[in-house]
Amino acid sequence: QVQLVESGGGLVQPGGSLRLSCAISDSTFSINTMGWFRQAPGKERRFVADITWNGRYINYASSVNGRFTISIDNAKNTVYLQMNSLKPEDTAVYYCAASDGQSYDHWGRGAQVTVSS
């Protein structure tokens, strides 16, 4: 059973940076892709970025492209989301998720990111 634990959320001023981490349990053999999603208050959960387990393929939502960077450290079983030039509209709960290539079946509990002055 894949288990995911996010960390690194918090409060940051507009224009600031944060790095989220997602620690993945040892049961990684079934993982094809790791993704980050976010859910703002009163809104649906939305895709932010994803990366294949070998790090070869990466995708970003247009709203974060050029500001956020997803990366993976296979040795540490950890996925990162570096967030720069943060805006108030980036405020959300950020979720890490694992996919076997068909669907995201495993989710973390989320990390709150608040961008406010």
C-alpha atoms as a PDB file:
ATOM      1  CA  GLN A   1       0.000   0.000   0.000  1.00  0.00           C
ATOM      2  CA  VAL A   2       1.445   3.327  -1.101  1.00  0.00           C
ATOM      3  CA  GLN A   3       1.446   5.991   1.593  1.00  0.00           C
ATOM      4  CA  LEU A   4       2.138   9.651   0.928  1.00  0.00           C
ATOM      5  CA  VAL A   5       2.953  12.393   3.427  1.00  0.00           C
ATOM      6  CA  GLU A   6       3.228  16.049   2.423  1.00  0.00           C
ATOM      7  CA  SER A   7       5.255  18.661   4.285  1.00  0.00           C
ATOM      8  CA  GLY A   8       6.569  22.172   3.788  1.00  0.00           C
ATOM      9  CA  GLY A   9       3.369  24.183   3.643  1.00  0.00           C
ATOM     10  CA  GLY A  10       2.866  27.452   5.457  1.00  0.00           C
ATOM     11  CA  LEU A  11       2.214  31.162   5.217  1.00  0.00           C
ATOM     12  CA  VAL A  12       4.211  33.238   2.748  1.00  0.00           C
ATOM     13  CA  GLN A  13       3.957  36.773   1.388  1.00  0.00           C
ATOM     14  CA  PRO A  14       3.128  37.414  -2.266  1.00  0.00           C
ATOM     15  CA  GLY A  15       6.241  37.009  -4.381  1.00  0.00           C
ATOM     16  CA  GLY A  16       7.746  34.565  -1.918  1.00  0.00           C
ATOM     17  CA  SER A  17       8.739  30.921  -2.271  1.00  0.00           C
ATOM     18  CA  LEU A  18       7.952  27.591  -0.633  1.00  0.00           C
ATOM     19  CA  ARG A  19       9.022  24.041  -1.288  1.00  0.00           C
ATOM     20  CA  LEU A  20       6.632  21.179  -0.692  1.00  0.00           C
ATOM     21  CA  SER A  21       7.877  17.649  -0.144  1.00  0.00           C
ATOM     22  CA  CYS A  22       6.012  14.371  -0.535  1.00  0.00           C
ATOM     23  CA  ALA A  23       7.527  11.361   1.195  1.00  0.00           C
ATOM     24  CA  ILE A  24       6.516   8.058  -0.393  1.00  0.00           C
ATOM     25  CA  SER A  25       6.379   4.707   1.386  1.00  0.00           C
ATOM     26  CA  ASP A  26       8.624   1.852   0.297  1.00  0.00           C
ATOM     27  CA  SER A  27       5.846   0.301  -1.818  1.00  0.00           C
ATOM     28  CA  THR A  28       6.846   2.206  -4.963  1.00  0.00           C
ATOM     29  CA  PHE A  29       6.989  -0.639  -7.507  1.00  0.00           C
ATOM     30  CA  SER A  30       3.528   0.150  -8.871  1.00  0.00           C
ATOM     31  CA  ILE A  31       4.055   3.902  -9.308  1.00  0.00           C
ATOM     32  CA  ASN A  32       4.268   5.283 -12.831  1.00  0.00           C
ATOM     33  CA  THR A  33       3.628   8.986 -12.198  1.00  0.00           C
ATOM     34  CA  MET A  34       3.592  11.343  -9.229  1.00  0.00           C
ATOM     35  CA  GLY A  35       1.399  14.416  -9.237  1.00  0.00           C
ATOM     36  CA  TRP A  36       0.602  17.545  -7.272  1.00  0.00           C
ATOM     37  CA  PHE A  37      -2.933  18.876  -7.083  1.00  0.00           C
ATOM     38  CA  ARG A  38      -4.494  21.733  -5.149  1.00  0.00           C
ATOM     39  CA  GLN A  39      -7.884  22.677  -3.823  1.00  0.00           C
ATOM     40  CA  ALA A  40      -8.795  26.249  -2.969  1.00  0.00           C
ATOM     41  CA  PRO A  41     -11.682  27.015  -0.580  1.00  0.00           C
ATOM     42  CA  GLY A  42     -15.006  26.407  -2.278  1.00  0.00           C
ATOM     43  CA  LYS A  43     -13.396  25.083  -5.458  1.00  0.00           C
ATOM     44  CA  GLU A  44     -12.704  21.705  -7.012  1.00  0.00           C
ATOM     45  CA  ARG A  45      -9.368  19.962  -6.736  1.00  0.00           C
ATOM     46  CA  ARG A  46      -7.189  20.867  -9.716  1.00  0.00           C
ATOM     47  CA  PHE A  47      -4.064  19.538 -11.355  1.00  0.00           C
ATOM     48  CA  VAL A  48      -0.837  21.435 -10.702  1.00  0.00           C
ATOM     49  CA  ALA A  49       2.029  19.310 -12.044  1.00  0.00           C
ATOM     50  CA  ASP A  50       3.145  15.744 -12.567  1.00  0.00           C
ATOM     51  CA  ILE A  51       6.329  13.806 -13.227  1.00  0.00           C
ATOM     52  CA  THR A  52       7.021  10.242 -14.287  1.00  0.00           C
ATOM     53  CA  TRP A  53       8.838   8.044 -11.801  1.00  0.00           C
ATOM     54  CA  ASN A  54      12.006   8.145 -13.946  1.00  0.00           C
ATOM     55  CA  GLY A  55      11.770  11.937 -14.119  1.00  0.00           C
ATOM     56  CA  ARG A  56      11.701  11.944 -17.901  1.00  0.00           C
ATOM     57  CA  TYR A  57       8.293  13.514 -18.504  1.00  0.00           C
ATOM     58  CA  ILE A  58       6.896  16.568 -16.718  1.00  0.00           C
ATOM     59  CA  ASN A  59       3.675  18.528 -17.128  1.00  0.00           C
ATOM     60  CA  TYR A  60       2.435  21.762 -15.557  1.00  0.00           C
ATOM     61  CA  ALA A  61      -0.861  23.545 -15.362  1.00  0.00           C
ATOM     62  CA  SER A  62      -0.711  26.771 -17.343  1.00  0.00           C
ATOM     63  CA  SER A  63      -1.401  28.779 -14.180  1.00  0.00           C
ATOM     64  CA  VAL A  64       1.874  27.663 -12.576  1.00  0.00           C
ATOM     65  CA  ASN A  65       4.108  27.061 -15.591  1.00  0.00           C
ATOM     66  CA  GLY A  66       7.305  29.076 -15.244  1.00  0.00           C
ATOM     67  CA  ARG A  67       6.828  29.601 -11.501  1.00  0.00           C
ATOM     68  CA  PHE A  68       6.626  26.063 -10.087  1.00  0.00           C
ATOM     69  CA  THR A  69       9.084  23.211 -10.550  1.00  0.00           C
ATOM     70  CA  ILE A  70       8.362  19.550  -9.841  1.00  0.00           C
ATOM     71  CA  SER A  71      11.210  17.135  -9.216  1.00  0.00           C
ATOM     72  CA  ILE A  72      11.789  13.640  -7.896  1.00  0.00           C
ATOM     73  CA  ASP A  73      14.553  12.029  -5.852  1.00  0.00           C
ATOM     74  CA  ASN A  74      14.211   8.291  -6.380  1.00  0.00           C
ATOM     75  CA  ALA A  75      16.914   7.501  -3.817  1.00  0.00           C
ATOM     76  CA  LYS A  76      14.887   9.279  -1.142  1.00  0.00           C
ATOM     77  CA  ASN A  77      11.448   8.266  -2.471  1.00  0.00           C
ATOM     78  CA  THR A  78      10.478  11.928  -2.364  1.00  0.00           C
ATOM     79  CA  VAL A  79       8.785  14.302  -4.783  1.00  0.00           C
ATOM     80  CA  TYR A  80       9.176  18.050  -4.492  1.00  0.00           C
ATOM     81  CA  LEU A  81       7.257  21.073  -5.659  1.00  0.00           C
ATOM     82  CA  GLN A  82       9.300  24.269  -5.660  1.00  0.00           C
ATOM     83  CA  MET A  83       6.944  27.225  -5.773  1.00  0.00           C
ATOM     84  CA  ASN A  84       8.314  30.668  -6.647  1.00  0.00           C
ATOM     85  CA  SER A  85       6.691  34.046  -7.274  1.00  0.00           C
ATOM     86  CA  LEU A  86       3.696  32.944  -5.248  1.00  0.00           C
ATOM     87  CA  LYS A  87       0.416  34.781  -5.671  1.00  0.00           C
ATOM     88  CA  PRO A  88      -2.641  35.016  -3.399  1.00  0.00           C
ATOM     89  CA  GLU A  89      -4.528  32.843  -5.887  1.00  0.00           C
ATOM     90  CA  ASP A  90      -2.060  30.032  -5.193  1.00  0.00           C
ATOM     91  CA  THR A  91      -3.585  29.717  -1.722  1.00  0.00           C
ATOM     92  CA  ALA A  92      -4.921  26.175  -1.392  1.00  0.00           C
ATOM     93  CA  VAL A  93      -4.441  22.788   0.174  1.00  0.00           C
ATOM     94  CA  TYR A  94      -1.819  20.988  -1.895  1.00  0.00           C
ATOM     95  CA  TYR A  95      -2.066  17.226  -2.337  1.00  0.00           C
ATOM     96  CA  CYS A  96       0.499  14.723  -3.488  1.00  0.00           C
ATOM     97  CA  ALA A  97      -0.806  11.727  -5.458  1.00  0.00           C
ATOM     98  CA  ALA A  98       0.534   8.533  -7.030  1.00  0.00           C
ATOM     99  CA  SER A  99      -0.649   6.943 -10.261  1.00  0.00           C
ATOM    100  CA  ASP A 100      -0.037   3.501 -11.745  1.00  0.00           C
ATOM    101  CA  GLY A 101      -0.373   5.073 -15.179  1.00  0.00           C
ATOM    102  CA  GLN A 102      -4.144   4.724 -15.293  1.00  0.00           C
ATOM    103  CA  SER A 103      -5.444   6.784 -12.405  1.00  0.00           C
ATOM    104  CA  TYR A 104      -4.365   8.516  -9.228  1.00  0.00           C
ATOM    105  CA  ASP A 105      -5.330   5.959  -6.607  1.00  0.00           C
ATOM    106  CA  HIS A 106      -3.185   7.109  -3.694  1.00  0.00           C
ATOM    107  CA  TRP A 107      -3.369  10.516  -2.047  1.00  0.00           C
ATOM    108  CA  GLY A 108      -1.723  12.316   0.822  1.00  0.00           C
ATOM    109  CA  ARG A 109      -3.643  14.278   3.438  1.00  0.00           C
ATOM    110  CA  GLY A 110      -2.568  17.622   2.035  1.00  0.00           C
ATOM    111  CA  ALA A 111      -0.506  20.631   3.070  1.00  0.00           C
ATOM    112  CA  GLN A 112      -1.925  24.127   3.498  1.00  0.00           C
ATOM    113  CA  VAL A 113      -0.274  26.918   1.529  1.00  0.00           C
ATOM    114  CA  THR A 114      -1.412  30.453   2.262  1.00  0.00           C
ATOM    115  CA  VAL A 115      -0.138  33.423   0.275  1.00  0.00           C
ATOM    116  CA  SER A 116      -1.015  36.654   2.009  1.00  0.00           C
ATOM    117  CA  SER A 117       0.504  39.916   3.119  1.00  0.00           C
END
